[in-house]
Amino acid sequence: MKNIILLSIKGYQKGISPLFPPSCRYYPTCSHYAVDAIEKHRAAKGSLMGAARIMRCHPFVKGGYDPVPSTFSLKRNNRHKIKGEEQSNDSKSN
């Protein structure tokens, strides 16, 4: 099952995604996130994590760096921040 899901995602990445301009607000992109999640957390949990990530990716979200967490979670991984993002968030709270 895992291989079928990964094959379909990689087919999307190579065949469909290049036809459209880049629009993912996160890094890694949603499809790469799904592949990483499936490889780390197996087919069922990884697919749920990928679907949750796609639902979070919309024009009203800031986006940014959001790697696959080491434990299963459907929420954004906020533990990893880019240096500039940390500083800008600290200055906003002051």
Foldseek 3Di string as FASTA:
>chain_A
DLVVVLVVLVCCVPPPVVVDDDQFQEPPRLSVQLNVLCVQPNDPLSNLLSVLSVVVGDPVDNYYYFHDDNDRDNDTDPPDDDPVVVVVVVVVVD
